[in-house]
């Protein structure tokens, strides 16, 4: 697979990464651990070098899964994980956000053990903590980098002004936020700031939590523990209203002899050379399909066609429940 460099950081990764969250949480019961270990190792054999996890996924179980999977091939992969929530050692969230410097350092030590490694390649603040100045957060990660425990600093779902303040203390290698053809919030402010500062961008949920694959309609049901049950954008009325986005992808996919998911990912890859999407999956055939997106070439005419269609569609429903959205874009 082609490689990309996240901004000016020098951090080289595969053009498509693998988001591991859904293997342990958010989309229903955790998948079989050994099957997921095999899937991760297959991804490496297929050229994926960039793997995304977090202490909050499980909690802890996803880091442990990824650590076990890549331990024999650690030198071939880049691991990104995250800090920022208050989670006690039992795995229960004892509160909301927590990015106090001493907590960041404790999370790093625990993550290193779970990931079975001596260094975290990319350490994101999972959500901006309004109670801790971002300068203090950046300073704590800077100390971890100086100590050799972290290589690069990242932010997730942060506003452009926050990114600038953090970057002034410790260069930010990458920012991770939701971005896709039906979630384009980063475009007005965040993406221009990243281009100016030389920071990479890592879109999560690049397939719209599965909706952009074309495999979800108004009759689709989800497991009781699947977060899409409480996502306004997945209410049946919203799904019906948002179907034209998928229809557009299907139209282009037919022209390109590709799938809607591959077109959605190829569109992201075509936006900037420093954008690296991290689609997640628990299925081998979906992994192969997603990786195939890196070979789909969208011409300038293709991109104009997509833009002309999608720009006329008003996506219905908030992408996340209101309580969760309050923690983003700060």
C-alpha atoms as a PDB file:
ATOM      1  CA  UNK A   1       0.000   0.000   0.000  1.00  0.00           C
ATOM      2  CA  UNK A   2       1.062   3.573  -0.586  1.00  0.00           C
ATOM      3  CA  UNK A   3       2.480   5.457   2.388  1.00  0.00           C
ATOM      4  CA  UNK A   4       1.668   8.946   3.606  1.00  0.00           C
ATOM      5  CA  UNK A   5       3.409  11.294   6.031  1.00  0.00           C
ATOM      6  CA  UNK A   6       1.306  13.020   8.666  1.00  0.00           C
ATOM      7  CA  UNK A   7       2.074  16.684   8.082  1.00  0.00           C
ATOM      8  CA  UNK A   8       5.585  17.845   8.868  1.00  0.00           C
ATOM      9  CA  UNK A   9       6.047  15.313  11.650  1.00  0.00           C
ATOM     10  CA  UNK A  10       7.941  12.777   9.586  1.00  0.00           C
ATOM     11  CA  UNK A  11       5.566  10.075  10.869  1.00  0.00           C
ATOM     12  CA  UNK A  12       5.058   7.747   7.896  1.00  0.00           C
ATOM     13  CA  UNK A  13       2.032   5.457   7.859  1.00  0.00           C
ATOM     14  CA  UNK A  14      -0.001   3.468   5.362  1.00  0.00           C
ATOM     15  CA  UNK A  15      -2.451   5.573   3.339  1.00  0.00           C
ATOM     16  CA  UNK A  16      -5.266   3.797   5.163  1.00  0.00           C
ATOM     17  CA  UNK A  17      -5.062   2.790   8.802  1.00  0.00           C
ATOM     18  CA  UNK A  18      -7.245   0.455  10.837  1.00  0.00           C
ATOM     19  CA  UNK A  19      -9.507   1.738  13.592  1.00  0.00           C
ATOM     20  CA  UNK A  20      -9.717  -0.986  16.225  1.00  0.00           C
ATOM     21  CA  UNK A  21     -12.442   0.422  18.526  1.00  0.00           C
ATOM     22  CA  UNK A  22     -15.286  -1.657  17.106  1.00  0.00           C
ATOM     23  CA  UNK A  23     -13.436  -4.873  17.875  1.00  0.00           C
ATOM     24  CA  UNK A  24     -14.022  -4.291  21.589  1.00  0.00           C
ATOM     25  CA  UNK A  25     -16.813  -1.748  22.044  1.00  0.00           C
ATOM     26  CA  UNK A  26     -19.388   0.719  20.668  1.00  0.00           C
ATOM     27  CA  UNK A  27     -20.859  -1.477  17.932  1.00  0.00           C
ATOM     28  CA  UNK A  28     -22.246  -4.259  20.103  1.00  0.00           C
ATOM     29  CA  UNK A  29     -20.548  -7.135  21.953  1.00  0.00           C
ATOM     30  CA  UNK A  30     -16.786  -7.500  21.636  1.00  0.00           C
ATOM     31  CA  UNK A  31     -15.681  -9.700  18.758  1.00  0.00           C
ATOM     32  CA  UNK A  32     -13.783 -12.932  19.338  1.00  0.00           C
ATOM     33  CA  UNK A  33     -10.312 -11.970  20.524  1.00  0.00           C
ATOM     34  CA  UNK A  34      -8.312 -14.542  18.580  1.00  0.00           C
ATOM     35  CA  UNK A  35     -10.197 -13.760  15.389  1.00  0.00           C
ATOM     36  CA  UNK A  36      -9.407 -10.061  15.840  1.00  0.00           C
ATOM     37  CA  UNK A  37      -5.730 -10.802  16.483  1.00  0.00           C
ATOM     38  CA  UNK A  38      -5.643 -12.704  13.194  1.00  0.00           C
ATOM     39  CA  UNK A  39      -7.459  -9.841  11.444  1.00  0.00           C
ATOM     40  CA  UNK A  40      -4.943  -7.273  12.697  1.00  0.00           C
ATOM     41  CA  UNK A  41      -2.016  -9.425  11.617  1.00  0.00           C
ATOM     42  CA  UNK A  42      -3.616  -9.971   8.209  1.00  0.00           C
ATOM     43  CA  UNK A  43      -3.992  -6.206   7.877  1.00  0.00           C
ATOM     44  CA  UNK A  44      -0.241  -5.854   8.375  1.00  0.00           C
ATOM     45  CA  UNK A  45       0.430  -8.476   5.704  1.00  0.00           C
ATOM     46  CA  UNK A  46      -1.836  -6.490   3.366  1.00  0.00           C
ATOM     47  CA  UNK A  47       0.160  -3.317   3.925  1.00  0.00           C
ATOM     48  CA  UNK A  48      -1.585  -1.568   6.812  1.00  0.00           C
ATOM     49  CA  UNK A  49       0.923  -0.088   9.244  1.00  0.00           C
ATOM     50  CA  UNK A  50      -1.243   2.366  11.238  1.00  0.00           C
ATOM     51  CA  UNK A  51      -3.455   1.110  14.071  1.00  0.00           C
ATOM     52  CA  UNK A  52      -5.745   3.212  16.262  1.00  0.00           C
ATOM     53  CA  UNK A  53      -6.883   2.356  19.774  1.00  0.00           C
ATOM     54  CA  UNK A  54      -7.581   4.047  23.140  1.00  0.00           C
ATOM     55  CA  UNK A  55      -7.746   3.211  26.818  1.00  0.00           C
ATOM     56  CA  UNK A  56     -11.459   4.071  26.708  1.00  0.00           C
ATOM     57  CA  UNK A  57     -12.255   1.327  24.208  1.00  0.00           C
ATOM     58  CA  UNK A  58     -13.401  -1.481  26.413  1.00  0.00           C
ATOM     59  CA  UNK A  59     -12.101   0.161  28.581  1.00  0.00           C
ATOM     60  CA  UNK A  60      -8.573  -1.207  28.313  1.00  0.00           C
ATOM     61  CA  UNK A  61      -9.533  -4.349  26.355  1.00  0.00           C
ATOM     62  CA  UNK A  62      -8.788  -2.822  22.958  1.00  0.00           C
ATOM     63  CA  UNK A  63      -5.266  -1.742  23.885  1.00  0.00           C
ATOM     64  CA  UNK A  64      -4.620  -5.219  25.291  1.00  0.00           C
ATOM     65  CA  UNK A  65      -5.938  -6.798  22.085  1.00  0.00           C
ATOM     66  CA  UNK A  66      -3.795  -4.633  19.828  1.00  0.00           C
ATOM     67  CA  UNK A  67      -0.741  -5.093  22.031  1.00  0.00           C
ATOM     68  CA  UNK A  68      -0.993  -8.866  21.829  1.00  0.00           C
ATOM     69  CA  UNK A  69      -1.665  -8.807  18.094  1.00  0.00           C
ATOM     70  CA  UNK A  70       1.312  -6.685  17.083  1.00  0.00           C
ATOM     71  CA  UNK A  71       3.863  -7.746  19.693  1.00  0.00           C
ATOM     72  CA  UNK A  72       5.622 -10.128  17.275  1.00  0.00           C
ATOM     73  CA  UNK A  73       5.625  -7.492  14.506  1.00  0.00           C
ATOM     74  CA  UNK A  74       6.005  -4.323  16.569  1.00  0.00           C
ATOM     75  CA  UNK A  75       8.727  -2.929  14.317  1.00  0.00           C
ATOM     76  CA  UNK A  76       6.337  -2.950  11.342  1.00  0.00           C
ATOM     77  CA  UNK A  77       3.499  -0.910  12.832  1.00  0.00           C
ATOM     78  CA  UNK A  78       2.630   2.530  14.159  1.00  0.00           C
ATOM     79  CA  UNK A  79       0.408   2.522  17.247  1.00  0.00           C
ATOM     80  CA  UNK A  80      -1.845   5.441  18.131  1.00  0.00           C
ATOM     81  CA  UNK A  81      -3.642   5.502  21.462  1.00  0.00           C
ATOM     82  CA  UNK A  82      -5.352   8.133  23.606  1.00  0.00           C
ATOM     83  CA  UNK A  83      -5.708   9.659  27.053  1.00  0.00           C
ATOM     84  CA  UNK A  84      -8.222  12.055  28.513  1.00  0.00           C
ATOM     85  CA  UNK A  85     -10.997  10.229  30.356  1.00  0.00           C
ATOM     86  CA  UNK A  86     -11.292   9.469  34.055  1.00  0.00           C
ATOM     87  CA  UNK A  87     -11.254   5.676  34.204  1.00  0.00           C
ATOM     88  CA  UNK A  88     -10.406   3.758  37.366  1.00  0.00           C
ATOM     89  CA  UNK A  89      -8.226   0.617  37.269  1.00  0.00           C
ATOM     90  CA  UNK A  90     -11.321  -1.627  37.270  1.00  0.00           C
ATOM     91  CA  UNK A  91     -12.353  -0.136  33.945  1.00  0.00           C
ATOM     92  CA  UNK A  92     -15.210   1.975  35.298  1.00  0.00           C
ATOM     93  CA  UNK A  93     -15.429   5.620  34.324  1.00  0.00           C
ATOM     94  CA  UNK A  94     -15.379   7.497  37.601  1.00  0.00           C
ATOM     95  CA  UNK A  95     -16.124  10.845  36.064  1.00  0.00           C
ATOM     96  CA  UNK A  96     -15.814  12.775  32.864  1.00  0.00           C
ATOM     97  CA  UNK A  97     -12.670  14.138  31.294  1.00  0.00           C
ATOM     98  CA  UNK A  98      -9.271  14.156  32.939  1.00  0.00           C
ATOM     99  CA  UNK A  99      -6.212  15.630  31.240  1.00  0.00           C
ATOM    100  CA  UNK A 100      -4.304  16.692  34.324  1.00  0.00           C
ATOM    101  CA  UNK A 101      -0.579  16.261  33.614  1.00  0.00           C
ATOM    102  CA  UNK A 102      -0.074  13.657  36.339  1.00  0.00           C
ATOM    103  CA  UNK A 103      -2.999  11.658  34.964  1.00  0.00           C
ATOM    104  CA  UNK A 104      -1.648  11.821  31.397  1.00  0.00           C
ATOM    105  CA  UNK A 105       1.649  10.362  32.584  1.00  0.00           C
ATOM    106  CA  UNK A 106      -0.094   7.596  34.543  1.00  0.00           C
ATOM    107  CA  UNK A 107      -2.206   6.685  31.516  1.00  0.00           C
ATOM    108  CA  UNK A 108       0.918   6.534  29.352  1.00  0.00           C
ATOM    109  CA  UNK A 109       2.603   4.078  31.718  1.00  0.00           C
ATOM    110  CA  UNK A 110      -0.490   1.855  31.829  1.00  0.00           C
ATOM    111  CA  UNK A 111      -0.910   2.003  28.050  1.00  0.00           C
ATOM    112  CA  UNK A 112       2.698   0.972  27.494  1.00  0.00           C
ATOM    113  CA  UNK A 113       2.087  -2.154  29.585  1.00  0.00           C
ATOM    114  CA  UNK A 114      -1.168  -3.032  27.831  1.00  0.00           C
ATOM    115  CA  UNK A 115       0.318  -2.418  24.390  1.00  0.00           C
ATOM    116  CA  UNK A 116       3.409  -4.500  25.260  1.00  0.00           C
ATOM    117  CA  UNK A 117       5.737  -1.831  23.967  1.00  0.00           C
ATOM    118  CA  UNK A 118       8.303   0.632  25.250  1.00  0.00           C
ATOM    119  CA  UNK A 119       7.043   3.611  23.243  1.00  0.00           C
ATOM    120  CA  UNK A 120       3.715   5.003  22.020  1.00  0.00           C
ATOM    121  CA  UNK A 121       4.081   6.253  18.450  1.00  0.00           C
ATOM    122  CA  UNK A 122       1.200   8.741  18.580  1.00  0.00           C
ATOM    123  CA  UNK A 123      -0.499   9.846  21.818  1.00  0.00           C
ATOM    124  CA  UNK A 124      -3.738  11.747  21.321  1.00  0.00           C
ATOM    125  CA  UNK A 125      -5.736  13.774  23.804  1.00  0.00           C
ATOM    126  CA  UNK A 126      -9.069  11.993  23.296  1.00  0.00           C
ATOM    127  CA  UNK A 127     -11.203  15.044  24.060  1.00  0.00           C
ATOM    128  CA  UNK A 128     -10.217  18.563  25.070  1.00  0.00           C
ATOM    129  CA  UNK A 129     -10.568  19.035  28.844  1.00  0.00           C
ATOM    130  CA  UNK A 130     -11.964  22.522  29.577  1.00  0.00           C
ATOM    131  CA  UNK A 131     -10.600  22.339  33.127  1.00  0.00           C
ATOM    132  CA  UNK A 132      -6.961  21.909  32.070  1.00  0.00           C
ATOM    133  CA  UNK A 133      -5.174  24.505  29.910  1.00  0.00           C
ATOM    134  CA  UNK A 134      -4.132  22.916  26.632  1.00  0.00           C
ATOM    135  CA  UNK A 135      -0.634  24.315  27.231  1.00  0.00           C
ATOM    136  CA  UNK A 136      -0.379  22.090  30.331  1.00  0.00           C
ATOM    137  CA  UNK A 137      -1.539  19.086  28.325  1.00  0.00           C
ATOM    138  CA  UNK A 138       0.983  19.737  25.567  1.00  0.00           C
ATOM    139  CA  UNK A 139       3.683  20.268  28.174  1.00  0.00           C
ATOM    140  CA  UNK A 140       2.965  16.912  29.807  1.00  0.00           C
ATOM    141  CA  UNK A 141       3.159  15.081  26.481  1.00  0.00           C
ATOM    142  CA  UNK A 142       6.341  16.986  25.662  1.00  0.00           C
ATOM    143  CA  UNK A 143       7.899  15.581  28.843  1.00  0.00           C
ATOM    144  CA  UNK A 144       6.813  12.066  27.826  1.00  0.00           C
ATOM    145  CA  UNK A 145       8.440  12.604  24.429  1.00  0.00           C
ATOM    146  CA  UNK A 146      11.632  13.830  26.083  1.00  0.00           C
ATOM    147  CA  UNK A 147      11.575  10.731  28.283  1.00  0.00           C
ATOM    148  CA  UNK A 148      11.351   8.491  25.219  1.00  0.00           C
ATOM    149  CA  UNK A 149       7.942   7.060  26.136  1.00  0.00           C
ATOM    150  CA  UNK A 150       5.996   8.821  23.361  1.00  0.00           C
ATOM    151  CA  UNK A 151       7.109   9.797  19.864  1.00  0.00           C
ATOM    152  CA  UNK A 152       4.365  12.135  18.662  1.00  0.00           C
ATOM    153  CA  UNK A 153       1.538  14.270  20.097  1.00  0.00           C
ATOM    154  CA  UNK A 154      -1.993  14.332  18.728  1.00  0.00           C
ATOM    155  CA  UNK A 155      -5.381  15.898  19.442  1.00  0.00           C
ATOM    156  CA  UNK A 156      -8.865  14.562  18.796  1.00  0.00           C
ATOM    157  CA  UNK A 157     -11.974  16.621  18.002  1.00  0.00           C
ATOM    158  CA  UNK A 158     -10.191  19.876  18.917  1.00  0.00           C
ATOM    159  CA  UNK A 159     -11.008  23.342  17.593  1.00  0.00           C
ATOM    160  CA  UNK A 160      -8.541  25.235  15.403  1.00  0.00           C
ATOM    161  CA  UNK A 161      -7.714  27.729  18.161  1.00  0.00           C
ATOM    162  CA  UNK A 162      -6.906  24.916  20.600  1.00  0.00           C
ATOM    163  CA  UNK A 163      -4.745  23.167  18.020  1.00  0.00           C
ATOM    164  CA  UNK A 164      -2.738  26.364  17.512  1.00  0.00           C
ATOM    165  CA  UNK A 165      -2.160  26.830  21.248  1.00  0.00           C
ATOM    166  CA  UNK A 166      -1.073  23.230  21.730  1.00  0.00           C
ATOM    167  CA  UNK A 167       1.175  23.270  18.677  1.00  0.00           C
ATOM    168  CA  UNK A 168       3.041  26.301  20.053  1.00  0.00           C
ATOM    169  CA  UNK A 169       4.120  24.232  23.087  1.00  0.00           C
ATOM    170  CA  UNK A 170       4.678  20.820  21.507  1.00  0.00           C
ATOM    171  CA  UNK A 171       4.338  20.262  17.753  1.00  0.00           C
ATOM    172  CA  UNK A 172       1.153  18.356  16.974  1.00  0.00           C
ATOM    173  CA  UNK A 173       1.727  15.532  14.500  1.00  0.00           C
ATOM    174  CA  UNK A 174      -1.914  14.721  13.809  1.00  0.00           C
ATOM    175  CA  UNK A 175      -5.460  15.704  14.616  1.00  0.00           C
ATOM    176  CA  UNK A 176      -8.192  13.080  14.598  1.00  0.00           C
ATOM    177  CA  UNK A 177     -11.827  14.053  14.049  1.00  0.00           C
ATOM    178  CA  UNK A 178     -14.879  12.609  12.389  1.00  0.00           C
ATOM    179  CA  UNK A 179     -14.814  13.435   8.689  1.00  0.00           C
ATOM    180  CA  UNK A 180     -16.614  11.928   5.719  1.00  0.00           C
ATOM    181  CA  UNK A 181     -18.980  12.851   2.931  1.00  0.00           C
ATOM    182  CA  UNK A 182     -21.771  13.216   5.481  1.00  0.00           C
ATOM    183  CA  UNK A 183     -19.733  14.855   8.268  1.00  0.00           C
ATOM    184  CA  UNK A 184     -17.757  17.795   6.903  1.00  0.00           C
ATOM    185  CA  UNK A 185     -17.421  19.894  10.054  1.00  0.00           C
ATOM    186  CA  UNK A 186     -13.575  20.113   9.888  1.00  0.00           C
ATOM    187  CA  UNK A 187     -13.559  21.822   6.492  1.00  0.00           C
ATOM    188  CA  UNK A 188     -14.173  25.510   7.356  1.00  0.00           C
ATOM    189  CA  UNK A 189     -11.566  25.994  10.097  1.00  0.00           C
ATOM    190  CA  UNK A 190      -9.697  22.868  11.175  1.00  0.00           C
ATOM    191  CA  UNK A 191      -8.365  21.654   7.803  1.00  0.00           C
ATOM    192  CA  UNK A 192      -7.013  25.087   6.774  1.00  0.00           C
ATOM    193  CA  UNK A 193      -5.270  25.408  10.152  1.00  0.00           C
ATOM    194  CA  UNK A 194      -3.709  21.960   9.780  1.00  0.00           C
ATOM    195  CA  UNK A 195      -2.448  22.781   6.299  1.00  0.00           C
ATOM    196  CA  UNK A 196      -0.947  26.031   7.542  1.00  0.00           C
ATOM    197  CA  UNK A 197       0.754  24.399  10.525  1.00  0.00           C
ATOM    198  CA  UNK A 198       1.884  21.217   8.770  1.00  0.00           C
ATOM    199  CA  UNK A 199      -0.236  18.826  10.818  1.00  0.00           C
ATOM    200  CA  UNK A 200      -1.659  15.534   9.526  1.00  0.00           C
ATOM    201  CA  UNK A 201      -5.350  14.687   9.670  1.00  0.00           C
ATOM    202  CA  UNK A 202      -6.833  11.313  10.602  1.00  0.00           C
ATOM    203  CA  UNK A 203     -10.559  10.991   9.842  1.00  0.00           C
ATOM    204  CA  UNK A 204     -12.358   8.540  12.071  1.00  0.00           C
ATOM    205  CA  UNK A 205     -15.722   7.045  11.091  1.00  0.00           C
ATOM    206  CA  UNK A 206     -14.834   7.712   7.428  1.00  0.00           C
ATOM    207  CA  UNK A 207     -17.682   5.423   6.379  1.00  0.00           C
ATOM    208  CA  UNK A 208     -20.271   7.188   8.514  1.00  0.00           C
ATOM    209  CA  UNK A 209     -20.429   4.382  11.095  1.00  0.00           C
ATOM    210  CA  UNK A 210     -21.306   2.030   8.264  1.00  0.00           C
ATOM    211  CA  UNK A 211     -24.021   4.102   6.604  1.00  0.00           C
ATOM    212  CA  UNK A 212     -21.893   5.083   3.616  1.00  0.00           C
ATOM    213  CA  UNK A 213     -21.294   1.435   2.724  1.00  0.00           C
ATOM    214  CA  UNK A 214     -24.857   1.227   1.426  1.00  0.00           C
ATOM    215  CA  UNK A 215     -25.567  -1.759   3.666  1.00  0.00           C
ATOM    216  CA  UNK A 216     -27.825   0.118   6.120  1.00  0.00           C
ATOM    217  CA  UNK A 217     -31.395   1.220   5.435  1.00  0.00           C
ATOM    218  CA  UNK A 218     -34.452   2.246   7.455  1.00  0.00           C
ATOM    219  CA  UNK A 219     -35.160  -1.375   8.439  1.00  0.00           C
ATOM    220  CA  UNK A 220     -31.675  -2.166   9.752  1.00  0.00           C
ATOM    221  CA  UNK A 221     -31.557  -2.949  13.466  1.00  0.00           C
ATOM    222  CA  UNK A 222     -28.568  -2.815  15.813  1.00  0.00           C
ATOM    223  CA  UNK A 223     -27.555  -4.699  18.954  1.00  0.00           C
ATOM    224  CA  UNK A 224     -28.835  -3.106  22.156  1.00  0.00           C
ATOM    225  CA  UNK A 225     -25.320  -1.966  23.099  1.00  0.00           C
ATOM    226  CA  UNK A 226     -24.587  -0.406  19.684  1.00  0.00           C
ATOM    227  CA  UNK A 227     -24.138   3.377  19.972  1.00  0.00           C
ATOM    228  CA  UNK A 228     -26.061   3.920  16.736  1.00  0.00           C
ATOM    229  CA  UNK A 229     -29.264   3.256  18.672  1.00  0.00           C
ATOM    230  CA  UNK A 230     -28.807   6.651  20.359  1.00  0.00           C
ATOM    231  CA  UNK A 231     -27.326   8.524  17.398  1.00  0.00           C
ATOM    232  CA  UNK A 232     -29.809  11.062  15.971  1.00  0.00           C
ATOM    233  CA  UNK A 233     -28.390  10.473  12.497  1.00  0.00           C
ATOM    234  CA  UNK A 234     -29.418   6.818  12.657  1.00  0.00           C
ATOM    235  CA  UNK A 235     -33.057   7.421  13.503  1.00  0.00           C
ATOM    236  CA  UNK A 236     -35.160   5.885  10.706  1.00  0.00           C
ATOM    237  CA  UNK A 237     -36.362   9.263   9.431  1.00  0.00           C
ATOM    238  CA  UNK A 238     -32.788  10.559   9.244  1.00  0.00           C
ATOM    239  CA  UNK A 239     -31.600   7.441   7.448  1.00  0.00           C
ATOM    240  CA  UNK A 240     -34.274   7.897   4.836  1.00  0.00           C
ATOM    241  CA  UNK A 241     -33.445  11.586   4.427  1.00  0.00           C
ATOM    242  CA  UNK A 242     -29.714  10.844   4.121  1.00  0.00           C
ATOM    243  CA  UNK A 243     -30.049   8.037   1.577  1.00  0.00           C
ATOM    244  CA  UNK A 244     -29.227  10.395  -1.348  1.00  0.00           C
ATOM    245  CA  UNK A 245     -25.625  10.604  -0.076  1.00  0.00           C
ATOM    246  CA  UNK A 246     -25.334   6.845  -0.461  1.00  0.00           C
ATOM    247  CA  UNK A 247     -27.089   6.943  -3.822  1.00  0.00           C
ATOM    248  CA  UNK A 248     -24.407   9.356  -5.032  1.00  0.00           C
ATOM    249  CA  UNK A 249     -21.659   6.983  -3.898  1.00  0.00           C
ATOM    250  CA  UNK A 250     -23.395   4.072  -5.609  1.00  0.00           C
ATOM    251  CA  UNK A 251     -23.591   6.058  -8.839  1.00  0.00           C
ATOM    252  CA  UNK A 252     -19.860   6.824  -8.832  1.00  0.00           C
ATOM    253  CA  UNK A 253     -19.008   3.297  -7.675  1.00  0.00           C
ATOM    254  CA  UNK A 254     -20.771   1.817 -10.686  1.00  0.00           C
ATOM    255  CA  UNK A 255     -18.745   4.047 -12.991  1.00  0.00           C
ATOM    256  CA  UNK A 256     -15.496   3.049 -11.292  1.00  0.00           C
ATOM    257  CA  UNK A 257     -16.279  -0.663 -10.823  1.00  0.00           C
ATOM    258  CA  UNK A 258     -15.853  -0.135  -7.096  1.00  0.00           C
ATOM    259  CA  UNK A 259     -18.056  -0.230  -4.009  1.00  0.00           C
ATOM    260  CA  UNK A 260     -19.705   2.754  -2.275  1.00  0.00           C
ATOM    261  CA  UNK A 261     -17.356   2.287   0.697  1.00  0.00           C
ATOM    262  CA  UNK A 262     -14.323   2.432  -1.583  1.00  0.00           C
ATOM    263  CA  UNK A 263     -15.569   5.645  -3.188  1.00  0.00           C
ATOM    264  CA  UNK A 264     -16.174   7.219   0.241  1.00  0.00           C
ATOM    265  CA  UNK A 265     -12.621   6.395   1.298  1.00  0.00           C
ATOM    266  CA  UNK A 266     -11.101   7.385  -2.042  1.00  0.00           C
ATOM    267  CA  UNK A 267     -12.858  10.757  -1.747  1.00  0.00           C
ATOM    268  CA  UNK A 268     -11.139  11.358   1.595  1.00  0.00           C
ATOM    269  CA  UNK A 269      -7.749  10.312   0.233  1.00  0.00           C
ATOM    270  CA  UNK A 270      -8.210  12.718  -2.664  1.00  0.00           C
ATOM    271  CA  UNK A 271      -8.795  15.732  -0.412  1.00  0.00           C
ATOM    272  CA  UNK A 272      -5.205  16.170   0.830  1.00  0.00           C
ATOM    273  CA  UNK A 273      -2.027  14.058   0.708  1.00  0.00           C
ATOM    274  CA  UNK A 274      -1.693  14.347   4.500  1.00  0.00           C
ATOM    275  CA  UNK A 275      -5.104  12.802   5.247  1.00  0.00           C
ATOM    276  CA  UNK A 276      -5.113   9.189   6.498  1.00  0.00           C
ATOM    277  CA  UNK A 277      -8.544   7.641   7.159  1.00  0.00           C
ATOM    278  CA  UNK A 278      -8.893   4.853   9.715  1.00  0.00           C
ATOM    279  CA  UNK A 279     -11.934   2.745   8.800  1.00  0.00           C
ATOM    280  CA  UNK A 280     -12.726   0.042  11.316  1.00  0.00           C
ATOM    281  CA  UNK A 281     -14.072  -3.444  10.757  1.00  0.00           C
ATOM    282  CA  UNK A 282     -14.268  -6.876  12.347  1.00  0.00           C
ATOM    283  CA  UNK A 283     -14.649  -8.716   9.033  1.00  0.00           C
ATOM    284  CA  UNK A 284     -11.859  -9.852   6.720  1.00  0.00           C
ATOM    285  CA  UNK A 285     -13.784  -9.191   3.501  1.00  0.00           C
ATOM    286  CA  UNK A 286     -14.507  -5.619   4.634  1.00  0.00           C
ATOM    287  CA  UNK A 287     -10.845  -5.118   5.487  1.00  0.00           C
ATOM    288  CA  UNK A 288      -9.871  -6.217   1.978  1.00  0.00           C
ATOM    289  CA  UNK A 289     -12.581  -4.009   0.475  1.00  0.00           C
ATOM    290  CA  UNK A 290     -11.444  -0.949   2.441  1.00  0.00           C
ATOM    291  CA  UNK A 291      -7.789  -1.479   1.549  1.00  0.00           C
ATOM    292  CA  UNK A 292      -8.844  -1.629  -2.094  1.00  0.00           C
ATOM    293  CA  UNK A 293      -9.967   2.007  -1.838  1.00  0.00           C
ATOM    294  CA  UNK A 294      -6.320   3.067  -1.936  1.00  0.00           C
ATOM    295  CA  UNK A 295      -6.203   1.912  -5.574  1.00  0.00           C
ATOM    296  CA  UNK A 296      -9.329   3.802  -6.651  1.00  0.00           C
ATOM    297  CA  UNK A 297      -8.403   6.956  -8.546  1.00  0.00           C
ATOM    298  CA  UNK A 298     -10.953   9.758  -8.572  1.00  0.00           C
ATOM    299  CA  UNK A 299     -10.349  12.328 -11.309  1.00  0.00           C
ATOM    300  CA  UNK A 300     -11.016  16.033 -10.958  1.00  0.00           C
ATOM    301  CA  UNK A 301     -14.253  15.456 -12.883  1.00  0.00           C
ATOM    302  CA  UNK A 302     -15.252  12.670 -10.503  1.00  0.00           C
ATOM    303  CA  UNK A 303     -14.642  14.909  -7.512  1.00  0.00           C
ATOM    304  CA  UNK A 304     -16.626  17.747  -9.061  1.00  0.00           C
ATOM    305  CA  UNK A 305     -19.491  15.360  -9.776  1.00  0.00           C
ATOM    306  CA  UNK A 306     -19.527  14.124  -6.184  1.00  0.00           C
ATOM    307  CA  UNK A 307     -19.353  17.654  -4.821  1.00  0.00           C
ATOM    308  CA  UNK A 308     -22.139  18.926  -7.063  1.00  0.00           C
ATOM    309  CA  UNK A 309     -24.452  16.163  -5.867  1.00  0.00           C
ATOM    310  CA  UNK A 310     -23.573  16.048  -2.174  1.00  0.00           C
ATOM    311  CA  UNK A 311     -23.508  19.830  -1.738  1.00  0.00           C
ATOM    312  CA  UNK A 312     -27.230  19.859  -2.569  1.00  0.00           C
ATOM    313  CA  UNK A 313     -28.037  17.338   0.181  1.00  0.00           C
ATOM    314  CA  UNK A 314     -28.739  18.596   3.694  1.00  0.00           C
ATOM    315  CA  UNK A 315     -27.669  15.775   5.996  1.00  0.00           C
ATOM    316  CA  UNK A 316     -30.270  15.174   8.700  1.00  0.00           C
ATOM    317  CA  UNK A 317     -29.579  14.393  12.363  1.00  0.00           C
ATOM    318  CA  UNK A 318     -26.674  15.208  14.658  1.00  0.00           C
ATOM    319  CA  UNK A 319     -23.762  12.811  14.261  1.00  0.00           C
ATOM    320  CA  UNK A 320     -23.613  12.125  18.009  1.00  0.00           C
ATOM    321  CA  UNK A 321     -25.936  12.525  21.003  1.00  0.00           C
ATOM    322  CA  UNK A 322     -25.951  16.070  22.398  1.00  0.00           C
ATOM    323  CA  UNK A 323     -24.060  15.137  25.584  1.00  0.00           C
ATOM    324  CA  UNK A 324     -21.195  13.702  23.530  1.00  0.00           C
ATOM    325  CA  UNK A 325     -21.162  16.568  21.043  1.00  0.00           C
ATOM    326  CA  UNK A 326     -20.581  18.982  23.925  1.00  0.00           C
ATOM    327  CA  UNK A 327     -17.135  17.426  24.334  1.00  0.00           C
ATOM    328  CA  UNK A 328     -16.099  18.127  20.741  1.00  0.00           C
ATOM    329  CA  UNK A 329     -14.814  21.182  18.932  1.00  0.00           C
ATOM    330  CA  UNK A 330     -13.367  22.895  21.997  1.00  0.00           C
END
